[in-house]
């Protein structure tokens, strides 16, 4: 685990996580925004997806379900990607995966 990831996990578990969302936003959001835009979405869609992924990430960490061998940025991207694919399908949008990955469903 990267030292940055370790600090983020520790902050969430200790309840001292006021700056964590800002740090995650700074480090991860651009990649997620670009992915959503490339796949028939916009800035607002990307923000919604990112917020949902942050909630899932927090729940995994607090419940002890987060696998510490995962990179946080990669985890968030994968969750966002799956959320976006599912939202696009529900909205009837045709999306072509432009990153070469298969859809992996996220379960809570």
PDB file of N, CA and C in Angstrom:
ATOM      1  N   UNK A   1       0.847  -1.177   0.000  1.00  0.00           N
ATOM      2  CA  UNK A   1       0.000   0.000   0.000  1.00  0.00           C
ATOM      3  C   UNK A   1       0.892   1.239   0.000  1.00  0.00           C
ATOM      4  N   UNK A   2       0.514   2.207  -0.804  1.00  0.00           N
ATOM      5  CA  UNK A   2       1.257   3.465  -0.847  1.00  0.00           C
ATOM      6  C   UNK A   2       1.126   4.194   0.493  1.00  0.00           C
ATOM      7  N   UNK A   3       2.142   4.955   0.875  1.00  0.00           N
ATOM      8  CA  UNK A   3       2.034   5.729   2.123  1.00  0.00           C
ATOM      9  C   UNK A   3       0.826   6.674   2.122  1.00  0.00           C
ATOM     10  N   UNK A   4       0.542   7.276   0.974  1.00  0.00           N
ATOM     11  CA  UNK A   4      -0.620   8.174   0.870  1.00  0.00           C
ATOM     12  C   UNK A   4      -1.910   7.408   1.152  1.00  0.00           C
ATOM     13  N   UNK A   5      -2.028   6.204   0.590  1.00  0.00           N
ATOM     14  CA  UNK A   5      -3.215   5.379   0.801  1.00  0.00           C
ATOM     15  C   UNK A   5      -3.356   4.998   2.262  1.00  0.00           C
ATOM     16  N   UNK A   6      -2.231   4.654   2.888  1.00  0.00           N
ATOM     17  CA  UNK A   6      -2.250   4.292   4.307  1.00  0.00           C
ATOM     18  C   UNK A   6      -2.766   5.462   5.158  1.00  0.00           C
ATOM     19  N   UNK A   7      -2.306   6.678   4.857  1.00  0.00           N
ATOM     20  CA  UNK A   7      -2.760   7.865   5.602  1.00  0.00           C
ATOM     21  C   UNK A   7      -4.259   8.084   5.418  1.00  0.00           C
ATOM     22  N   UNK A   8      -4.758   7.867   4.210  1.00  0.00           N
ATOM     23  CA  UNK A   8      -6.187   8.054   3.934  1.00  0.00           C
ATOM     24  C   UNK A   8      -7.009   7.039   4.733  1.00  0.00           C
ATOM     25  N   UNK A   9      -6.607   5.795   4.703  1.00  0.00           N
ATOM     26  CA  UNK A   9      -7.322   4.740   5.447  1.00  0.00           C
ATOM     27  C   UNK A   9      -7.323   5.050   6.937  1.00  0.00           C
ATOM     28  N   UNK A  10      -6.165   5.403   7.475  1.00  0.00           N
ATOM     29  CA  UNK A  10      -6.058   5.727   8.894  1.00  0.00           C
ATOM     30  C   UNK A  10      -6.950   6.917   9.265  1.00  0.00           C
ATOM     31  N   UNK A  11      -7.000   7.929   8.416  1.00  0.00           N
ATOM     32  CA  UNK A  11      -7.839   9.102   8.690  1.00  0.00           C
ATOM     33  C   UNK A  11      -9.315   8.725   8.724  1.00  0.00           C
ATOM     34  N   UNK A  12      -9.738   7.868   7.809  1.00  0.00           N
ATOM     35  CA  UNK A  12     -11.142   7.438   7.791  1.00  0.00           C
ATOM     36  C   UNK A  12     -11.461   6.622   9.038  1.00  0.00           C
ATOM     37  N   UNK A  13     -10.598   5.692   9.379  1.00  0.00           N
ATOM     38  CA  UNK A  13     -10.847   4.835  10.540  1.00  0.00           C
ATOM     39  C   UNK A  13     -10.814   5.600  11.856  1.00  0.00           C
ATOM     40  N   UNK A  14     -10.010   6.653  11.928  1.00  0.00           N
ATOM     41  CA  UNK A  14      -9.905   7.419  13.170  1.00  0.00           C
ATOM     42  C   UNK A  14     -10.937   8.536  13.270  1.00  0.00           C
ATOM     43  N   UNK A  15     -11.696   8.752  12.189  1.00  0.00           N
ATOM     44  CA  UNK A  15     -12.690   9.830  12.201  1.00  0.00           C
ATOM     45  C   UNK A  15     -12.100  11.195  11.912  1.00  0.00           C
ATOM     46  N   UNK A  16     -10.839  11.254  11.572  1.00  0.00           N
ATOM     47  CA  UNK A  16     -10.174  12.527  11.258  1.00  0.00           C
ATOM     48  C   UNK A  16     -10.029  12.659   9.741  1.00  0.00           C
ATOM     49  N   UNK A  17     -11.161  12.574   9.073  1.00  0.00           N
ATOM     50  CA  UNK A  17     -11.150  12.478   7.619  1.00  0.00           C
ATOM     51  C   UNK A  17     -11.667  13.722   6.900  1.00  0.00           C
ATOM     52  N   UNK A  18     -11.616  14.875   7.538  1.00  0.00           N
ATOM     53  CA  UNK A  18     -12.143  16.095   6.935  1.00  0.00           C
ATOM     54  C   UNK A  18     -11.491  16.412   5.593  1.00  0.00           C
ATOM     55  N   UNK A  19     -10.206  16.166   5.454  1.00  0.00           N
ATOM     56  CA  UNK A  19      -9.481  16.520   4.234  1.00  0.00           C
ATOM     57  C   UNK A  19      -9.393  15.368   3.236  1.00  0.00           C
ATOM     58  N   UNK A  20      -9.851  14.202   3.624  1.00  0.00           N
ATOM     59  CA  UNK A  20      -9.690  13.022   2.782  1.00  0.00           C
ATOM     60  C   UNK A  20     -10.423  13.172   1.451  1.00  0.00           C
ATOM     61  N   UNK A  21     -11.657  13.628   1.470  1.00  0.00           N
ATOM     62  CA  UNK A  21     -12.417  13.755   0.227  1.00  0.00           C
ATOM     63  C   UNK A  21     -11.732  14.728  -0.729  1.00  0.00           C
ATOM     64  N   UNK A  22     -11.231  15.821  -0.206  1.00  0.00           N
ATOM     65  CA  UNK A  22     -10.521  16.790  -1.054  1.00  0.00           C
ATOM     66  C   UNK A  22      -9.274  16.155  -1.662  1.00  0.00           C
ATOM     67  N   UNK A  23      -8.537  15.378  -0.872  1.00  0.00           N
ATOM     68  CA  UNK A  23      -7.351  14.698  -1.382  1.00  0.00           C
ATOM     69  C   UNK A  23      -7.712  13.691  -2.466  1.00  0.00           C
ATOM     70  N   UNK A  24      -8.772  12.926  -2.225  1.00  0.00           N
ATOM     71  CA  UNK A  24      -9.202  11.946  -3.211  1.00  0.00           C
ATOM     72  C   UNK A  24      -9.696  12.634  -4.479  1.00  0.00           C
ATOM     73  N   UNK A  25     -10.418  13.716  -4.304  1.00  0.00           N
ATOM     74  CA  UNK A  25     -10.899  14.474  -5.451  1.00  0.00           C
ATOM     75  C   UNK A  25      -9.723  14.970  -6.282  1.00  0.00           C
ATOM     76  N   UNK A  26      -8.716  15.537  -5.629  1.00  0.00           N
ATOM     77  CA  UNK A  26      -7.537  16.047  -6.334  1.00  0.00           C
ATOM     78  C   UNK A  26      -6.783  14.945  -7.064  1.00  0.00           C
ATOM     79  N   UNK A  27      -6.676  13.781  -6.450  1.00  0.00           N
ATOM     80  CA  UNK A  27      -5.858  12.728  -7.044  1.00  0.00           C
ATOM     81  C   UNK A  27      -6.608  11.848  -8.048  1.00  0.00           C
ATOM     82  N   UNK A  28      -7.931  11.752  -7.938  1.00  0.00           N
ATOM     83  CA  UNK A  28      -8.670  10.775  -8.743  1.00  0.00           C
ATOM     84  C   UNK A  28      -9.689  11.351  -9.721  1.00  0.00           C
ATOM     85  N   UNK A  29     -10.250  12.491  -9.414  1.00  0.00           N
ATOM     86  CA  UNK A  29     -11.430  12.930 -10.159  1.00  0.00           C
ATOM     87  C   UNK A  29     -11.172  13.155 -11.638  1.00  0.00           C
ATOM     88  N   UNK A  30     -10.044  13.715 -12.008  1.00  0.00           N
ATOM     89  CA  UNK A  30      -9.789  14.032 -13.424  1.00  0.00           C
ATOM     90  C   UNK A  30      -9.905  12.777 -14.294  1.00  0.00           C
ATOM     91  N   UNK A  31      -9.324  11.686 -13.857  1.00  0.00           N
ATOM     92  CA  UNK A  31      -9.369  10.439 -14.624  1.00  0.00           C
ATOM     93  C   UNK A  31     -10.808   9.933 -14.750  1.00  0.00           C
ATOM     94  N   UNK A  32     -11.561  10.044 -13.680  1.00  0.00           N
ATOM     95  CA  UNK A  32     -12.955   9.595 -13.680  1.00  0.00           C
ATOM     96  C   UNK A  32     -13.803  10.497 -14.571  1.00  0.00           C
ATOM     97  N   UNK A  33     -13.593  11.802 -14.463  1.00  0.00           N
ATOM     98  CA  UNK A  33     -14.323  12.757 -15.310  1.00  0.00           C
ATOM     99  C   UNK A  33     -14.054  12.465 -16.782  1.00  0.00           C
ATOM    100  N   UNK A  34     -12.792  12.243 -17.120  1.00  0.00           N
ATOM    101  CA  UNK A  34     -12.444  11.959 -18.510  1.00  0.00           C
ATOM    102  C   UNK A  34     -13.106  10.677 -18.997  1.00  0.00           C
ATOM    103  N   UNK A  35     -13.141   9.659 -18.156  1.00  0.00           N
ATOM    104  CA  UNK A  35     -13.779   8.397 -18.528  1.00  0.00           C
ATOM    105  C   UNK A  35     -15.271   8.605 -18.789  1.00  0.00           C
ATOM    106  N   UNK A  36     -15.948   9.287 -17.879  1.00  0.00           N
ATOM    107  CA  UNK A  36     -17.390   9.503 -18.025  1.00  0.00           C
ATOM    108  C   UNK A  36     -17.673  10.330 -19.279  1.00  0.00           C
ATOM    109  N   UNK A  37     -16.893  11.359 -19.520  1.00  0.00           N
ATOM    110  CA  UNK A  37     -17.084  12.185 -20.722  1.00  0.00           C
ATOM    111  C   UNK A  37     -16.876  11.380 -21.997  1.00  0.00           C
ATOM    112  N   UNK A  38     -15.905  10.498 -22.009  1.00  0.00           N
ATOM    113  CA  UNK A  38     -15.647   9.675 -23.193  1.00  0.00           C
ATOM    114  C   UNK A  38     -16.760   8.670 -23.445  1.00  0.00           C
ATOM    115  N   UNK A  39     -17.566   8.448 -22.428  1.00  0.00           N
ATOM    116  CA  UNK A  39     -18.620   7.446 -22.513  1.00  0.00           C
ATOM    117  C   UNK A  39     -20.002   8.056 -22.316  1.00  0.00           C
ATOM    118  N   UNK A  40     -20.263   9.136 -23.045  1.00  0.00           N
ATOM    119  CA  UNK A  40     -21.596   9.755 -23.165  1.00  0.00           C
ATOM    120  C   UNK A  40     -22.071  10.479 -21.904  1.00  0.00           C
ATOM    121  N   UNK A  41     -21.162  10.905 -21.042  1.00  0.00           N
ATOM    122  CA  UNK A  41     -21.545  11.627 -19.843  1.00  0.00           C
ATOM    123  C   UNK A  41     -21.021  13.044 -19.852  1.00  0.00           C
ATOM    124  N   UNK A  42     -21.298  13.761 -18.776  1.00  0.00           N
ATOM    125  CA  UNK A  42     -20.823  15.141 -18.648  1.00  0.00           C
ATOM    126  C   UNK A  42     -20.221  15.343 -17.260  1.00  0.00           C
ATOM    127  N   UNK A  43     -19.832  16.581 -16.978  1.00  0.00           N
ATOM    128  CA  UNK A  43     -19.187  16.923 -15.706  1.00  0.00           C
ATOM    129  C   UNK A  43     -20.087  16.568 -14.517  1.00  0.00           C
ATOM    130  N   UNK A  44     -21.354  16.875 -14.610  1.00  0.00           N
ATOM    131  CA  UNK A  44     -22.282  16.594 -13.504  1.00  0.00           C
ATOM    132  C   UNK A  44     -22.419  15.085 -13.282  1.00  0.00           C
ATOM    133  N   UNK A  45     -22.496  14.334 -14.371  1.00  0.00           N
ATOM    134  CA  UNK A  45     -22.550  12.874 -14.246  1.00  0.00           C
ATOM    135  C   UNK A  45     -21.310  12.354 -13.521  1.00  0.00           C
ATOM    136  N   UNK A  46     -20.150  12.870 -13.919  1.00  0.00           N
ATOM    137  CA  UNK A  46     -18.897  12.435 -13.304  1.00  0.00           C
ATOM    138  C   UNK A  46     -18.877  12.761 -11.813  1.00  0.00           C
ATOM    139  N   UNK A  47     -19.362  13.924 -11.436  1.00  0.00           N
ATOM    140  CA  UNK A  47     -19.400  14.306 -10.020  1.00  0.00           C
ATOM    141  C   UNK A  47     -20.324  13.385  -9.234  1.00  0.00           C
ATOM    142  N   UNK A  48     -21.475  13.058  -9.805  1.00  0.00           N
ATOM    143  CA  UNK A  48     -22.415  12.154  -9.140  1.00  0.00           C
ATOM    144  C   UNK A  48     -21.809  10.765  -8.946  1.00  0.00           C
ATOM    145  N   UNK A  49     -21.189  10.261  -9.990  1.00  0.00           N
ATOM    146  CA  UNK A  49     -20.562   8.939  -9.937  1.00  0.00           C
ATOM    147  C   UNK A  49     -19.440   8.927  -8.903  1.00  0.00           C
ATOM    148  N   UNK A  50     -18.622   9.971  -8.907  1.00  0.00           N
ATOM    149  CA  UNK A  50     -17.508  10.051  -7.965  1.00  0.00           C
ATOM    150  C   UNK A  50     -18.012  10.086  -6.524  1.00  0.00           C
ATOM    151  N   UNK A  51     -19.050  10.865  -6.284  1.00  0.00           N
ATOM    152  CA  UNK A  51     -19.615  10.940  -4.935  1.00  0.00           C
ATOM    153  C   UNK A  51     -20.131   9.572  -4.486  1.00  0.00           C
ATOM    154  N   UNK A  52     -20.817   8.869  -5.371  1.00  0.00           N
ATOM    155  CA  UNK A  52     -21.303   7.526  -5.039  1.00  0.00           C
ATOM    156  C   UNK A  52     -20.132   6.587  -4.720  1.00  0.00           C
ATOM    157  N   UNK A  53     -19.059   6.690  -5.494  1.00  0.00           N
ATOM    158  CA  UNK A  53     -17.897   5.825  -5.274  1.00  0.00           C
ATOM    159  C   UNK A  53     -17.210   6.137  -3.944  1.00  0.00           C
ATOM    160  N   UNK A  54     -17.143   7.406  -3.590  1.00  0.00           N
ATOM    161  CA  UNK A  54     -16.542   7.795  -2.303  1.00  0.00           C
ATOM    162  C   UNK A  54     -17.335   7.174  -1.152  1.00  0.00           C
ATOM    163  N   UNK A  55     -18.642   7.196  -1.254  1.00  0.00           N
ATOM    164  CA  UNK A  55     -19.496   6.609  -0.220  1.00  0.00           C
ATOM    165  C   UNK A  55     -19.228   5.108  -0.111  1.00  0.00           C
ATOM    166  N   UNK A  56     -19.148   4.437  -1.251  1.00  0.00           N
ATOM    167  CA  UNK A  56     -18.860   2.999  -1.256  1.00  0.00           C
ATOM    168  C   UNK A  56     -17.489   2.732  -0.637  1.00  0.00           C
ATOM    169  N   UNK A  57     -16.505   3.539  -1.002  1.00  0.00           N
ATOM    170  CA  UNK A  57     -15.153   3.382  -0.459  1.00  0.00           C
ATOM    171  C   UNK A  57     -15.170   3.541   1.066  1.00  0.00           C
ATOM    172  N   UNK A  58     -15.811   4.595   1.565  1.00  0.00           N
ATOM    173  CA  UNK A  58     -15.889   4.819   3.013  1.00  0.00           C
ATOM    174  C   UNK A  58     -16.553   3.628   3.706  1.00  0.00           C
ATOM    175  N   UNK A  59     -17.645   3.135   3.133  1.00  0.00           N
ATOM    176  CA  UNK A  59     -18.341   1.998   3.741  1.00  0.00           C
ATOM    177  C   UNK A  59     -17.448   0.765   3.795  1.00  0.00           C
ATOM    178  N   UNK A  60     -16.701   0.523   2.717  1.00  0.00           N
ATOM    179  CA  UNK A  60     -15.796  -0.626   2.696  1.00  0.00           C
ATOM    180  C   UNK A  60     -14.716  -0.486   3.764  1.00  0.00           C
ATOM    181  N   UNK A  61     -14.140   0.699   3.881  1.00  0.00           N
ATOM    182  CA  UNK A  61     -13.072   0.910   4.862  1.00  0.00           C
ATOM    183  C   UNK A  61     -13.612   0.741   6.274  1.00  0.00           C
ATOM    184  N   UNK A  62     -14.714   1.397   6.573  1.00  0.00           N
ATOM    185  CA  UNK A  62     -15.259   1.348   7.941  1.00  0.00           C
ATOM    186  C   UNK A  62     -15.769  -0.030   8.327  1.00  0.00           C
ATOM    187  N   UNK A  63     -16.231  -0.806   7.336  1.00  0.00           N
ATOM    188  CA  UNK A  63     -16.737  -2.149   7.620  1.00  0.00           C
ATOM    189  C   UNK A  63     -15.626  -3.192   7.614  1.00  0.00           C
ATOM    190  N   UNK A  64     -14.403  -2.771   7.345  1.00  0.00           N
ATOM    191  CA  UNK A  64     -13.291  -3.704   7.306  1.00  0.00           C
ATOM    192  C   UNK A  64     -13.275  -4.561   6.049  1.00  0.00           C
ATOM    193  N   UNK A  65     -13.989  -4.145   5.001  1.00  0.00           N
ATOM    194  CA  UNK A  65     -14.071  -4.912   3.762  1.00  0.00           C
ATOM    195  C   UNK A  65     -13.047  -4.472   2.716  1.00  0.00           C
ATOM    196  N   UNK A  66     -12.375  -3.363   2.952  1.00  0.00           N
ATOM    197  CA  UNK A  66     -11.434  -2.870   1.950  1.00  0.00           C
ATOM    198  C   UNK A  66     -10.187  -3.739   1.947  1.00  0.00           C
ATOM    199  N   UNK A  67      -9.825  -4.223   0.769  1.00  0.00           N
ATOM    200  CA  UNK A  67      -8.634  -5.050   0.612  1.00  0.00           C
ATOM    201  C   UNK A  67      -7.429  -4.118   0.503  1.00  0.00           C
ATOM    202  N   UNK A  68      -6.563  -4.158   1.499  1.00  0.00           N
ATOM    203  CA  UNK A  68      -5.441  -3.229   1.574  1.00  0.00           C
ATOM    204  C   UNK A  68      -4.390  -3.448   0.493  1.00  0.00           C
ATOM    205  N   UNK A  69      -4.525  -4.515  -0.254  1.00  0.00           N
ATOM    206  CA  UNK A  69      -3.604  -4.704  -1.377  1.00  0.00           C
ATOM    207  C   UNK A  69      -4.028  -3.859  -2.581  1.00  0.00           C
ATOM    208  N   UNK A  70      -5.248  -3.313  -2.548  1.00  0.00           N
ATOM    209  CA  UNK A  70      -5.731  -2.464  -3.640  1.00  0.00           C
ATOM    210  C   UNK A  70      -5.165  -1.062  -3.523  1.00  0.00           C
ATOM    211  N   UNK A  71      -4.928  -0.460  -4.662  1.00  0.00           N
ATOM    212  CA  UNK A  71      -4.579   0.946  -4.754  1.00  0.00           C
ATOM    213  C   UNK A  71      -5.894   1.730  -4.667  1.00  0.00           C
ATOM    214  N   UNK A  72      -5.971   2.742  -3.824  1.00  0.00           N
ATOM    215  CA  UNK A  72      -7.218   3.487  -3.646  1.00  0.00           C
ATOM    216  C   UNK A  72      -7.673   4.124  -4.954  1.00  0.00           C
ATOM    217  N   UNK A  73      -6.747   4.730  -5.693  1.00  0.00           N
ATOM    218  CA  UNK A  73      -7.120   5.351  -6.971  1.00  0.00           C
ATOM    219  C   UNK A  73      -7.726   4.318  -7.924  1.00  0.00           C
ATOM    220  N   UNK A  74      -7.112   3.151  -8.002  1.00  0.00           N
ATOM    221  CA  UNK A  74      -7.620   2.091  -8.868  1.00  0.00           C
ATOM    222  C   UNK A  74      -8.966   1.571  -8.406  1.00  0.00           C
ATOM    223  N   UNK A  75      -9.111   1.426  -7.089  1.00  0.00           N
ATOM    224  CA  UNK A  75     -10.390   0.985  -6.530  1.00  0.00           C
ATOM    225  C   UNK A  75     -11.490   1.963  -6.897  1.00  0.00           C
ATOM    226  N   UNK A  76     -11.224   3.262  -6.673  1.00  0.00           N
ATOM    227  CA  UNK A  76     -12.239   4.275  -6.974  1.00  0.00           C
ATOM    228  C   UNK A  76     -12.567   4.315  -8.462  1.00  0.00           C
ATOM    229  N   UNK A  77     -11.555   4.208  -9.309  1.00  0.00           N
ATOM    230  CA  UNK A  77     -11.819   4.219 -10.745  1.00  0.00           C
ATOM    231  C   UNK A  77     -12.694   3.037 -11.143  1.00  0.00           C
ATOM    232  N   UNK A  78     -12.374   1.864 -10.637  1.00  0.00           N
ATOM    233  CA  UNK A  78     -13.156   0.671 -10.971  1.00  0.00           C
ATOM    234  C   UNK A  78     -14.600   0.805 -10.495  1.00  0.00           C
ATOM    235  N   UNK A  79     -14.781   1.295  -9.279  1.00  0.00           N
ATOM    236  CA  UNK A  79     -16.138   1.486  -8.756  1.00  0.00           C
ATOM    237  C   UNK A  79     -16.875   2.519  -9.602  1.00  0.00           C
ATOM    238  N   UNK A  80     -16.221   3.637  -9.914  1.00  0.00           N
ATOM    239  CA  UNK A  80     -16.852   4.674 -10.737  1.00  0.00           C
ATOM    240  C   UNK A  80     -17.223   4.136 -12.109  1.00  0.00           C
ATOM    241  N   UNK A  81     -16.325   3.389 -12.693  1.00  0.00           N
ATOM    242  CA  UNK A  81     -16.567   2.822 -14.008  1.00  0.00           C
ATOM    243  C   UNK A  81     -17.801   1.919 -13.982  1.00  0.00           C
ATOM    244  N   UNK A  82     -17.886   1.079 -12.975  1.00  0.00           N
ATOM    245  CA  UNK A  82     -19.039   0.183 -12.872  1.00  0.00           C
ATOM    246  C   UNK A  82     -20.333   0.937 -12.592  1.00  0.00           C
ATOM    247  N   UNK A  83     -20.273   1.946 -11.747  1.00  0.00           N
ATOM    248  CA  UNK A  83     -21.458   2.766 -11.474  1.00  0.00           C
ATOM    249  C   UNK A  83     -21.912   3.435 -12.764  1.00  0.00           C
ATOM    250  N   UNK A  84     -20.954   4.006 -13.519  1.00  0.00           N
ATOM    251  CA  UNK A  84     -21.319   4.707 -14.751  1.00  0.00           C
ATOM    252  C   UNK A  84     -21.931   3.752 -15.778  1.00  0.00           C
ATOM    253  N   UNK A  85     -21.350   2.590 -15.934  1.00  0.00           N
ATOM    254  CA  UNK A  85     -21.905   1.618 -16.880  1.00  0.00           C
ATOM    255  C   UNK A  85     -23.331   1.255 -16.493  1.00  0.00           C
ATOM    256  N   UNK A  86     -23.557   1.002 -15.213  1.00  0.00           N
ATOM    257  CA  UNK A  86     -24.904   0.650 -14.751  1.00  0.00           C
ATOM    258  C   UNK A  86     -25.889   1.799 -14.934  1.00  0.00           C
ATOM    259  N   UNK A  87     -25.464   3.040 -14.641  1.00  0.00           N
ATOM    260  CA  UNK A  87     -26.354   4.196 -14.828  1.00  0.00           C
ATOM    261  C   UNK A  87     -26.663   4.404 -16.300  1.00  0.00           C
ATOM    262  N   UNK A  88     -25.664   4.251 -17.129  1.00  0.00           N
ATOM    263  CA  UNK A  88     -25.866   4.436 -18.567  1.00  0.00           C
ATOM    264  C   UNK A  88     -26.835   3.387 -19.115  1.00  0.00           C
ATOM    265  N   UNK A  89     -26.696   2.160 -18.651  1.00  0.00           N
ATOM    266  CA  UNK A  89     -27.618   1.102 -19.094  1.00  0.00           C
ATOM    267  C   UNK A  89     -29.045   1.412 -18.657  1.00  0.00           C
ATOM    268  N   UNK A  90     -29.206   1.850 -17.411  1.00  0.00           N
ATOM    269  CA  UNK A  90     -30.539   2.174 -16.909  1.00  0.00           C
ATOM    270  C   UNK A  90     -31.155   3.342 -17.661  1.00  0.00           C
ATOM    271  N   UNK A  91     -30.335   4.281 -18.078  1.00  0.00           N
ATOM    272  CA  UNK A  91     -30.831   5.456 -18.801  1.00  0.00           C
ATOM    273  C   UNK A  91     -31.027   5.151 -20.288  1.00  0.00           C
ATOM    274  N   UNK A  92     -30.652   3.955 -20.707  1.00  0.00           N
ATOM    275  CA  UNK A  92     -30.833   3.582 -22.093  1.00  0.00           C
ATOM    276  C   UNK A  92     -29.765   4.140 -23.014  1.00  0.00           C
ATOM    277  N   UNK A  93     -28.691   4.614 -22.447  1.00  0.00           N
ATOM    278  CA  UNK A  93     -27.598   5.131 -23.265  1.00  0.00           C
ATOM    279  C   UNK A  93     -26.801   3.971 -23.816  1.00  0.00           C
ATOM    280  N   UNK A  94     -26.340   4.149 -25.018  1.00  0.00           N
ATOM    281  CA  UNK A  94     -25.439   3.172 -25.608  1.00  0.00           C
ATOM    282  C   UNK A  94     -24.031   3.609 -25.276  1.00  0.00           C
ATOM    283  N   UNK A  95     -23.316   2.798 -24.547  1.00  0.00           N
ATOM    284  CA  UNK A  95     -21.936   3.131 -24.227  1.00  0.00           C
ATOM    285  C   UNK A  95     -21.030   2.029 -24.727  1.00  0.00           C
ATOM    286  N   UNK A  96     -19.959   2.411 -25.277  1.00  0.00           N
ATOM    287  CA  UNK A  96     -18.928   1.476 -25.691  1.00  0.00           C
ATOM    288  C   UNK A  96     -17.776   1.659 -24.721  1.00  0.00           C
ATOM    289  N   UNK A  97     -17.316   0.580 -24.155  1.00  0.00           N
ATOM    290  CA  UNK A  97     -16.207   0.682 -23.220  1.00  0.00           C
ATOM    291  C   UNK A  97     -14.975   1.103 -23.982  1.00  0.00           C
ATOM    292  N   UNK A  98     -14.429   2.240 -23.622  1.00  0.00           N
ATOM    293  CA  UNK A  98     -13.292   2.768 -24.344  1.00  0.00           C
ATOM    294  C   UNK A  98     -11.981   2.543 -23.625  1.00  0.00           C
ATOM    295  N   UNK A  99     -12.021   1.778 -22.537  1.00  0.00           N
ATOM    296  CA  UNK A  99     -10.778   1.524 -21.825  1.00  0.00           C
ATOM    297  C   UNK A  99     -10.356   0.064 -21.910  1.00  0.00           C
ATOM    298  N   UNK A 100     -11.158  -0.757 -22.571  1.00  0.00           N
ATOM    299  CA  UNK A 100     -10.776  -2.145 -22.779  1.00  0.00           C
ATOM    300  C   UNK A 100     -11.081  -3.084 -21.633  1.00  0.00           C
ATOM    301  N   UNK A 101     -11.723  -2.624 -20.577  1.00  0.00           N
ATOM    302  CA  UNK A 101     -12.044  -3.474 -19.439  1.00  0.00           C
ATOM    303  C   UNK A 101     -13.434  -4.065 -19.607  1.00  0.00           C
ATOM    304  N   UNK A 102     -13.663  -5.201 -18.975  1.00  0.00           N
ATOM    305  CA  UNK A 102     -14.986  -5.785 -18.937  1.00  0.00           C
ATOM    306  C   UNK A 102     -15.756  -5.190 -17.763  1.00  0.00           C
ATOM    307  N   UNK A 103     -17.081  -5.244 -17.823  1.00  0.00           N
ATOM    308  CA  UNK A 103     -17.903  -4.747 -16.732  1.00  0.00           C
ATOM    309  C   UNK A 103     -17.841  -5.735 -15.563  1.00  0.00           C
ATOM    310  N   UNK A 104     -17.502  -5.215 -14.400  1.00  0.00           N
ATOM    311  CA  UNK A 104     -17.468  -5.984 -13.164  1.00  0.00           C
ATOM    312  C   UNK A 104     -18.462  -5.338 -12.228  1.00  0.00           C
ATOM    313  N   UNK A 105     -19.523  -6.036 -11.882  1.00  0.00           N
ATOM    314  CA  UNK A 105     -20.561  -5.445 -11.045  1.00  0.00           C
ATOM    315  C   UNK A 105     -20.063  -5.209  -9.645  1.00  0.00           C
ATOM    316  N   UNK A 106     -20.432  -4.048  -9.069  1.00  0.00           N
ATOM    317  CA  UNK A 106     -20.075  -3.693  -7.693  1.00  0.00           C
ATOM    318  C   UNK A 106     -21.230  -4.089  -6.798  1.00  0.00           C
ATOM    319  N   UNK A 107     -20.929  -4.816  -5.761  1.00  0.00           N
ATOM    320  CA  UNK A 107     -21.950  -5.183  -4.794  1.00  0.00           C
ATOM    321  C   UNK A 107     -21.624  -4.523  -3.478  1.00  0.00           C
ATOM    322  N   UNK A 108     -22.643  -4.100  -2.790  1.00  0.00           N
ATOM    323  CA  UNK A 108     -22.439  -3.438  -1.486  1.00  0.00           C
ATOM    324  C   UNK A 108     -22.663  -4.420  -0.392  1.00  0.00           C
TER     325      UNK A 108
END
